[in-house]
Amino acid sequence: MTFLIYLAAALAEIAGCFAFWAWLRLDKSPLWLVPGGVSLALFAYLLTLVDADQAGRAYAAYGGIYILSSLAWMWLAEGARPDRWDMIGASICVLGAAIIFFGPRAALSA
């Protein structure tokens, strides 16, 4: 379930950021900012649904999924296929995210 939440959050963040990109860089209407802002708010909400004890750890682990999703966006939405260096870098990041999220933790003593 965590992976699906991260994937939904990544799509919401990328879509929100792309709306700003479209407005500033692609000369789209400022009305693009409305769904962009809603999408970024949805992204923030979705990250609160992740079952993690610390927000920072949830955000750090999310980073790997975000990078992989960004490359998928680049390929599917922008038509630019990721090269091997993109995929190697994304693989390293996803591995790092998995280590952060699933690594064993020492119990905190009160």
N, C-alpha and C. Protein backbone atom coordinates (compact mmCIF):
# COMPACT_ATOMS: atom_id res chain seq x y z
N MET A 1 0.82 -1.19 0.00
CA MET A 1 0.00 0.00 0.00
C MET A 1 0.87 1.26 0.00
N THR A 2 1.99 1.21 0.72
CA THR A 2 2.89 2.37 0.78
C THR A 2 3.38 2.74 -0.61
N PHE A 3 3.73 1.74 -1.41
CA PHE A 3 4.21 2.03 -2.76
C PHE A 3 3.14 2.75 -3.58
N LEU A 4 1.89 2.32 -3.46
CA LEU A 4 0.81 2.96 -4.21
C LEU A 4 0.59 4.41 -3.76
N ILE A 5 0.71 4.65 -2.46
CA ILE A 5 0.59 6.02 -1.95
C ILE A 5 1.73 6.88 -2.50
N TYR A 6 2.94 6.34 -2.46
CA TYR A 6 4.09 7.07 -3.00
C TYR A 6 3.91 7.33 -4.49
N LEU A 7 3.42 6.36 -5.22
CA LEU A 7 3.21 6.53 -6.66
C LEU A 7 2.16 7.61 -6.93
N ALA A 8 1.06 7.58 -6.20
CA ALA A 8 0.02 8.62 -6.36
C ALA A 8 0.57 9.99 -5.99
N ALA A 9 1.36 10.06 -4.91
CA ALA A 9 1.96 11.33 -4.49
C ALA A 9 2.91 11.85 -5.57
N ALA A 10 3.70 10.96 -6.15
CA ALA A 10 4.63 11.37 -7.20
C ALA A 10 3.89 11.92 -8.41
N LEU A 11 2.84 11.25 -8.81
CA LEU A 11 2.07 11.74 -9.95
C LEU A 11 1.44 13.09 -9.65
N ALA A 12 0.93 13.26 -8.44
CA ALA A 12 0.34 14.55 -8.06
C ALA A 12 1.41 15.64 -8.03
N GLU A 13 2.58 15.34 -7.48
CA GLU A 13 3.64 16.35 -7.42
C GLU A 13 4.14 16.71 -8.82
N ILE A 14 4.37 15.72 -9.64
CA ILE A 14 4.87 15.98 -10.98
C ILE A 14 3.85 16.77 -11.78
N ALA A 15 2.58 16.39 -11.69
CA ALA A 15 1.54 17.11 -12.42
C ALA A 15 1.44 18.56 -11.94
N GLY A 16 1.52 18.77 -10.63
CA GLY A 16 1.47 20.12 -10.08
C GLY A 16 2.65 20.96 -10.52
N CYS A 17 3.82 20.38 -10.45
CA CYS A 17 5.02 21.11 -10.89
C CYS A 17 4.99 21.35 -12.39
N PHE A 18 4.50 20.38 -13.15
CA PHE A 18 4.42 20.56 -14.60
C PHE A 18 3.46 21.69 -14.96
N ALA A 19 2.39 21.87 -14.18
CA ALA A 19 1.46 22.96 -14.44
C ALA A 19 2.19 24.31 -14.34
N PHE A 20 3.05 24.45 -13.33
CA PHE A 20 3.83 25.68 -13.20
C PHE A 20 4.84 25.80 -14.35
N TRP A 21 5.46 24.69 -14.71
CA TRP A 21 6.40 24.66 -15.83
C TRP A 21 5.69 25.11 -17.11
N ALA A 22 4.49 24.56 -17.33
CA ALA A 22 3.74 24.90 -18.54
C ALA A 22 3.42 26.39 -18.58
N TRP A 23 3.05 26.95 -17.45
CA TRP A 23 2.74 28.38 -17.39
C TRP A 23 3.97 29.23 -17.66
N LEU A 24 5.07 28.92 -16.96
CA LEU A 24 6.27 29.76 -17.06
C LEU A 24 7.13 29.48 -18.30
N ARG A 25 7.22 28.23 -18.69
CA ARG A 25 8.16 27.88 -19.75
C ARG A 25 7.51 27.59 -21.09
N LEU A 26 6.22 27.22 -21.07
CA LEU A 26 5.54 26.86 -22.30
C LEU A 26 4.46 27.87 -22.69
N ASP A 27 4.45 29.01 -21.98
CA ASP A 27 3.51 30.09 -22.26
C ASP A 27 2.05 29.67 -22.23
N LYS A 28 1.70 28.79 -21.29
CA LYS A 28 0.31 28.40 -21.11
C LYS A 28 -0.39 29.45 -20.24
N SER A 29 -1.69 29.36 -20.20
CA SER A 29 -2.51 30.29 -19.43
C SER A 29 -2.19 30.20 -17.93
N PRO A 30 -2.30 31.34 -17.21
CA PRO A 30 -2.13 31.29 -15.75
C PRO A 30 -3.18 30.40 -15.07
N LEU A 31 -4.24 30.07 -15.78
CA LEU A 31 -5.24 29.17 -15.22
C LEU A 31 -4.68 27.78 -14.93
N TRP A 32 -3.56 27.45 -15.56
CA TRP A 32 -2.88 26.18 -15.27
C TRP A 32 -2.44 26.11 -13.80
N LEU A 33 -2.28 27.28 -13.18
CA LEU A 33 -1.83 27.30 -11.78
C LEU A 33 -2.88 26.76 -10.82
N VAL A 34 -4.15 26.84 -11.19
CA VAL A 34 -5.21 26.36 -10.30
C VAL A 34 -5.13 24.84 -10.12
N PRO A 35 -5.22 24.06 -11.19
CA PRO A 35 -5.09 22.61 -10.97
C PRO A 35 -3.69 22.23 -10.46
N GLY A 36 -2.69 23.04 -10.82
CA GLY A 36 -1.35 22.77 -10.31
C GLY A 36 -1.29 22.89 -8.80
N GLY A 37 -1.89 23.95 -8.26
CA GLY A 37 -1.92 24.12 -6.81
C GLY A 37 -2.72 23.03 -6.11
N VAL A 38 -3.84 22.64 -6.69
CA VAL A 38 -4.64 21.56 -6.12
C VAL A 38 -3.85 20.25 -6.13
N SER A 39 -3.16 20.02 -7.22
CA SER A 39 -2.36 18.80 -7.34
C SER A 39 -1.24 18.77 -6.30
N LEU A 40 -0.59 19.90 -6.07
CA LEU A 40 0.48 19.95 -5.06
C LEU A 40 -0.08 19.77 -3.65
N ALA A 41 -1.28 20.29 -3.38
CA ALA A 41 -1.91 20.07 -2.07
C ALA A 41 -2.24 18.59 -1.90
N LEU A 42 -2.73 17.95 -2.96
CA LEU A 42 -3.01 16.51 -2.91
C LEU A 42 -1.73 15.73 -2.64
N PHE A 43 -0.65 16.11 -3.29
CA PHE A 43 0.65 15.47 -3.05
C PHE A 43 1.02 15.52 -1.56
N ALA A 44 0.91 16.70 -0.96
CA ALA A 44 1.27 16.84 0.45
C ALA A 44 0.38 15.98 1.34
N TYR A 45 -0.92 15.96 1.03
CA TYR A 45 -1.84 15.14 1.80
C TYR A 45 -1.48 13.66 1.69
N LEU A 46 -1.22 13.19 0.49
CA LEU A 46 -0.92 11.78 0.28
C LEU A 46 0.29 11.33 1.08
N LEU A 47 1.30 12.18 1.20
CA LEU A 47 2.48 11.79 1.98
C LEU A 47 2.15 11.60 3.46
N THR A 48 1.10 12.25 3.95
CA THR A 48 0.73 12.05 5.35
C THR A 48 0.11 10.68 5.58
N LEU A 49 -0.28 9.98 4.53
CA LEU A 49 -0.90 8.67 4.66
C LEU A 49 0.11 7.54 4.79
N VAL A 50 1.38 7.83 4.55
CA VAL A 50 2.42 6.80 4.63
C VAL A 50 2.63 6.42 6.09
N ASP A 51 2.72 5.10 6.32
CA ASP A 51 2.91 4.59 7.67
C ASP A 51 4.40 4.67 8.04
N ALA A 52 4.81 5.83 8.55
CA ALA A 52 6.20 6.03 8.98
C ALA A 52 6.16 6.84 10.27
N ASP A 53 7.11 6.57 11.14
CA ASP A 53 7.14 7.27 12.42
C ASP A 53 7.64 8.71 12.30
N GLN A 54 8.48 8.98 11.34
CA GLN A 54 9.02 10.32 11.14
C GLN A 54 8.70 10.81 9.74
N ALA A 55 8.29 12.05 9.64
CA ALA A 55 7.97 12.63 8.34
C ALA A 55 9.21 12.65 7.44
N GLY A 56 10.35 13.02 8.02
CA GLY A 56 11.57 13.10 7.22
C GLY A 56 11.94 11.78 6.58
N ARG A 57 11.73 10.67 7.29
CA ARG A 57 12.03 9.36 6.71
C ARG A 57 11.04 9.04 5.59
N ALA A 58 9.79 9.38 5.79
CA ALA A 58 8.79 9.15 4.73
C ALA A 58 9.16 9.95 3.48
N TYR A 59 9.59 11.19 3.67
CA TYR A 59 9.95 12.04 2.54
C TYR A 59 11.21 11.53 1.85
N ALA A 60 12.18 11.09 2.62
CA ALA A 60 13.43 10.60 2.05
C ALA A 60 13.19 9.33 1.23
N ALA A 61 12.40 8.42 1.77
CA ALA A 61 12.10 7.19 1.04
C ALA A 61 11.29 7.50 -0.22
N TYR A 62 10.42 8.48 -0.14
CA TYR A 62 9.62 8.90 -1.29
C TYR A 62 10.49 9.39 -2.45
N GLY A 63 11.64 9.94 -2.14
CA GLY A 63 12.50 10.51 -3.16
C GLY A 63 12.84 9.55 -4.28
N GLY A 64 13.09 8.30 -3.96
CA GLY A 64 13.41 7.31 -4.99
C GLY A 64 12.25 7.07 -5.93
N ILE A 65 11.06 6.99 -5.38
CA ILE A 65 9.86 6.79 -6.20
C ILE A 65 9.62 8.02 -7.07
N TYR A 66 9.86 9.20 -6.50
CA TYR A 66 9.69 10.44 -7.27
C TYR A 66 10.63 10.47 -8.48
N ILE A 67 11.87 10.09 -8.27
CA ILE A 67 12.84 10.12 -9.36
C ILE A 67 12.42 9.14 -10.46
N LEU A 68 12.04 7.94 -10.09
CA LEU A 68 11.60 6.97 -11.08
C LEU A 68 10.36 7.46 -11.82
N SER A 69 9.41 8.03 -11.09
CA SER A 69 8.19 8.56 -11.69
C SER A 69 8.48 9.74 -12.61
N SER A 70 9.44 10.56 -12.24
CA SER A 70 9.82 11.70 -13.09
C SER A 70 10.36 11.23 -14.43
N LEU A 71 11.15 10.18 -14.41
CA LEU A 71 11.67 9.65 -15.66
C LEU A 71 10.55 9.03 -16.51
N ALA A 72 9.59 8.39 -15.85
CA ALA A 72 8.44 7.85 -16.58
C ALA A 72 7.63 8.99 -17.19
N TRP A 73 7.45 10.09 -16.45
CA TRP A 73 6.75 11.27 -16.98
C TRP A 73 7.48 11.82 -18.21
N MET A 74 8.80 11.93 -18.07
CA MET A 74 9.60 12.45 -19.17
C MET A 74 9.38 11.62 -20.44
N TRP A 75 9.31 10.31 -20.25
CA TRP A 75 9.14 9.41 -21.39
C TRP A 75 7.71 9.44 -21.93
N LEU A 76 6.72 9.29 -21.03
CA LEU A 76 5.33 9.16 -21.47
C LEU A 76 4.67 10.48 -21.84
N ALA A 77 4.95 11.53 -21.07
CA ALA A 77 4.28 12.81 -21.31
C ALA A 77 5.07 13.74 -22.22
N GLU A 78 6.40 13.64 -22.16
CA GLU A 78 7.22 14.56 -22.94
C GLU A 78 7.90 13.91 -24.13
N GLY A 79 7.79 12.60 -24.24
CA GLY A 79 8.33 11.90 -25.39
C GLY A 79 9.83 11.76 -25.44
N ALA A 80 10.51 11.98 -24.32
CA ALA A 80 11.98 11.82 -24.27
C ALA A 80 12.30 10.55 -23.48
N ARG A 81 12.83 9.57 -24.17
CA ARG A 81 13.12 8.29 -23.53
C ARG A 81 14.34 8.40 -22.61
N PRO A 82 14.22 7.90 -21.37
CA PRO A 82 15.38 7.91 -20.47
C PRO A 82 16.52 7.08 -21.05
N ASP A 83 17.75 7.55 -20.84
CA ASP A 83 18.89 6.78 -21.33
C ASP A 83 19.39 5.87 -20.21
N ARG A 84 20.45 5.14 -20.49
CA ARG A 84 20.93 4.18 -19.49
C ARG A 84 21.41 4.87 -18.22
N TRP A 85 21.96 6.07 -18.34
CA TRP A 85 22.44 6.78 -17.16
C TRP A 85 21.27 7.23 -16.28
N ASP A 86 20.18 7.62 -16.92
CA ASP A 86 18.97 7.93 -16.16
C ASP A 86 18.51 6.70 -15.37
N MET A 87 18.50 5.55 -16.04
CA MET A 87 18.00 4.34 -15.40
C MET A 87 18.96 3.83 -14.31
N ILE A 88 20.25 3.95 -14.55
CA ILE A 88 21.21 3.54 -13.51
C ILE A 88 21.05 4.44 -12.29
N GLY A 89 20.98 5.74 -12.51
CA GLY A 89 20.81 6.67 -11.40
C GLY A 89 19.50 6.43 -10.65
N ALA A 90 18.41 6.21 -11.38
CA ALA A 90 17.12 5.95 -10.74
C ALA A 90 17.17 4.66 -9.93
N SER A 91 17.84 3.64 -10.46
CA SER A 91 17.95 2.37 -9.73
C SER A 91 18.69 2.54 -8.42
N ILE A 92 19.75 3.30 -8.44
CA ILE A 92 20.51 3.57 -7.21
C ILE A 92 19.63 4.31 -6.21
N CYS A 93 18.87 5.28 -6.69
CA CYS A 93 18.00 6.06 -5.80
C CYS A 93 16.88 5.21 -5.21
N VAL A 94 16.28 4.33 -6.02
CA VAL A 94 15.22 3.45 -5.51
C VAL A 94 15.79 2.49 -4.48
N LEU A 95 16.97 1.97 -4.73
CA LEU A 95 17.61 1.10 -3.75
C LEU A 95 17.87 1.86 -2.45
N GLY A 96 18.37 3.07 -2.55
CA GLY A 96 18.60 3.89 -1.36
C GLY A 96 17.31 4.18 -0.61
N ALA A 97 16.24 4.49 -1.35
CA ALA A 97 14.95 4.74 -0.72
C ALA A 97 14.44 3.51 0.02
N ALA A 98 14.62 2.34 -0.57
CA ALA A 98 14.19 1.10 0.08
C ALA A 98 14.98 0.85 1.35
N ILE A 99 16.27 1.12 1.32
CA ILE A 99 17.10 0.95 2.51
C ILE A 99 16.63 1.89 3.62
N ILE A 100 16.35 3.14 3.26
CA ILE A 100 15.88 4.11 4.25
C ILE A 100 14.55 3.66 4.86
N PHE A 101 13.63 3.24 4.01
CA PHE A 101 12.28 2.95 4.51
C PHE A 101 12.21 1.61 5.24
N PHE A 102 12.86 0.58 4.71
CA PHE A 102 12.70 -0.76 5.26
C PHE A 102 13.85 -1.20 6.17
N GLY A 103 14.88 -0.37 6.30
CA GLY A 103 16.01 -0.75 7.15
C GLY A 103 15.61 -0.99 8.60
N PRO A 104 16.27 -1.93 9.26
CA PRO A 104 15.93 -2.20 10.67
C PRO A 104 16.28 -0.98 11.53
N ARG A 105 15.45 -0.73 12.49
CA ARG A 105 15.64 0.40 13.39
C ARG A 105 15.76 -0.11 14.83
N ALA A 106 16.65 0.51 15.56
CA ALA A 106 16.76 0.20 16.98
C ALA A 106 15.55 0.79 17.69
N ALA A 107 15.03 0.05 18.67
CA ALA A 107 13.88 0.55 19.43
C ALA A 107 14.31 1.76 20.25
N LEU A 108 13.48 2.78 20.26
CA LEU A 108 13.76 3.97 21.06
C LEU A 108 13.39 3.73 22.50
N SER A 109 14.27 4.06 23.39
CA SER A 109 13.95 3.90 24.82
C SER A 109 13.46 5.24 25.37
N ALA A 110 12.53 5.15 26.27
CA ALA A 110 11.92 6.37 26.83
C ALA A 110 12.76 6.99 27.88
